[in-house]
Amino acid sequence: MTGNGEPSKVGGKVDAAVGAVKENVGKAFGAHQMEGEGAAKRAHGNAEHGAAQAKGYTEGAGDSLMGGVKKQAGKLFGDDQMQGEGKARELKGDVKKSANS
């Protein structure tokens, strides 16, 4: 989690990696408590990464939808600026969705 309580893809990956190392070290030395703590940290990291991806995808879908609506409204009213702004927001949303798929 970031300082503001939001899930973080990077933070999730770091926690998952640290957890995996701790889990494997615990397994190698027969330290079952360390192994369990590592597994829990890895699972938490994977969950945080997944939550951050889902949030990013959802935000992208919203931008894509709203951009499409604005683009069509611009086309309907003959407003080239509105149409262009809508297309830009739609593309921004598509990129954000793609980055979080």
Protein backbone atom coordinates (compact mmCIF):
# COMPACT_ATOMS: atom_id res chain seq x y z
CA MET A 1 0.00 0.00 0.00
CA THR A 2 1.11 3.52 -0.66
CA GLY A 3 1.19 6.14 2.05
CA ASN A 4 -2.37 7.16 1.16
CA GLY A 5 -3.77 3.66 1.60
CA GLU A 6 -4.12 2.99 -2.13
CA PRO A 7 -2.90 -0.35 -3.52
CA SER A 8 0.36 -0.17 -5.43
CA LYS A 9 1.52 -2.43 -8.25
CA VAL A 10 5.18 -1.82 -7.38
CA GLY A 11 4.63 -2.24 -3.64
CA GLY A 12 2.70 -5.43 -4.27
CA LYS A 13 5.46 -6.87 -6.44
CA VAL A 14 8.10 -5.97 -3.83
CA ASP A 15 6.10 -7.58 -1.01
CA ALA A 16 5.51 -10.69 -3.11
CA ALA A 17 9.22 -11.00 -3.92
CA VAL A 18 10.31 -10.43 -0.30
CA GLY A 19 7.72 -12.93 0.86
CA ALA A 20 8.86 -15.53 -1.65
CA VAL A 21 12.49 -15.16 -0.53
CA LYS A 22 11.51 -15.44 3.14
CA GLU A 23 9.31 -18.44 2.38
CA ASN A 24 12.09 -20.25 0.50
CA VAL A 25 14.74 -19.48 3.14
CA GLY A 26 12.38 -20.75 5.81
CA LYS A 27 11.71 -23.90 3.79
CA ALA A 28 15.44 -24.49 3.18
CA PHE A 29 16.31 -24.21 6.89
CA GLY A 30 13.21 -25.95 8.24
CA ALA A 31 12.01 -22.74 9.90
CA HIS A 32 8.28 -23.32 9.54
CA GLN A 33 7.26 -20.02 11.15
CA MET A 34 9.49 -18.05 8.74
CA GLU A 35 8.17 -20.10 5.83
CA GLY A 36 4.58 -19.33 6.83
CA GLU A 37 5.27 -15.63 7.33
CA GLY A 38 6.90 -15.49 3.91
CA ALA A 39 3.96 -17.24 2.27
CA ALA A 40 1.56 -14.79 3.89
CA LYS A 41 3.62 -11.77 2.78
CA ARG A 42 3.83 -13.17 -0.77
CA ALA A 43 0.06 -13.70 -0.87
CA HIS A 44 -0.55 -10.19 0.48
CA GLY A 45 1.78 -8.71 -2.15
CA ASN A 46 0.07 -10.60 -4.96
CA ALA A 47 -3.32 -9.44 -3.70
CA GLU A 48 -2.16 -5.82 -3.51
CA HIS A 49 -0.77 -5.98 -7.04
CA GLY A 50 -4.05 -7.45 -8.29
CA ALA A 51 -6.08 -4.76 -6.52
CA ALA A 52 -3.93 -2.01 -8.03
CA GLN A 53 -4.35 -3.54 -11.49
CA ALA A 54 -8.12 -3.78 -11.07
CA LYS A 55 -8.30 -0.15 -9.91
CA GLY A 56 -6.21 1.03 -12.86
CA TYR A 57 -8.28 -0.97 -15.35
CA THR A 58 -11.53 0.39 -13.91
CA GLU A 59 -10.27 3.96 -14.10
CA GLY A 60 -9.21 3.35 -17.70
CA ALA A 61 -12.59 1.91 -18.59
CA GLY A 62 -14.29 4.99 -17.13
CA ASP A 63 -12.03 7.33 -19.11
CA SER A 64 -12.59 5.33 -22.27
CA LEU A 65 -16.36 5.39 -21.84
CA MET A 66 -16.59 9.08 -20.96
CA GLY A 67 -14.21 9.98 -23.78
CA GLY A 68 -16.34 8.07 -26.25
CA VAL A 69 -19.46 9.87 -25.06
CA LYS A 70 -17.76 13.28 -25.33
CA LYS A 71 -16.39 12.41 -28.77
CA GLN A 72 -19.86 11.44 -30.02
CA ALA A 73 -21.43 14.55 -28.48
CA GLY A 74 -18.83 16.67 -30.24
CA LYS A 75 -19.61 14.94 -33.51
CA LEU A 76 -23.35 15.41 -32.97
CA PHE A 77 -23.01 19.14 -32.21
CA GLY A 78 -20.32 19.76 -34.83
CA ASP A 79 -17.84 20.78 -32.13
CA ASP A 80 -14.38 19.71 -33.31
CA GLN A 81 -12.69 20.68 -30.04
CA MET A 82 -15.11 18.61 -27.96
CA GLN A 83 -14.71 15.72 -30.37
CA GLY A 84 -10.91 15.92 -30.11
CA GLU A 85 -10.95 16.13 -26.32
CA GLY A 86 -13.24 13.12 -26.22
CA LYS A 87 -10.97 11.13 -28.52
CA ALA A 88 -7.95 12.04 -26.37
CA ARG A 89 -9.69 10.89 -23.17
CA GLU A 90 -10.89 7.73 -24.88
CA LEU A 91 -7.33 6.90 -25.99
CA LYS A 92 -5.98 7.67 -22.51
CA GLY A 93 -8.50 5.21 -21.08
CA ASP A 94 -7.59 2.55 -23.63
CA VAL A 95 -3.91 2.88 -22.75
CA LYS A 96 -4.64 2.67 -19.02
CA LYS A 97 -6.78 -0.43 -19.54
CA SER A 98 -4.05 -2.04 -21.63
CA ALA A 99 -1.42 -1.27 -19.00
CA ASN A 100 -3.54 -2.96 -16.34
CA SER A 101 -4.72 -6.06 -18.21
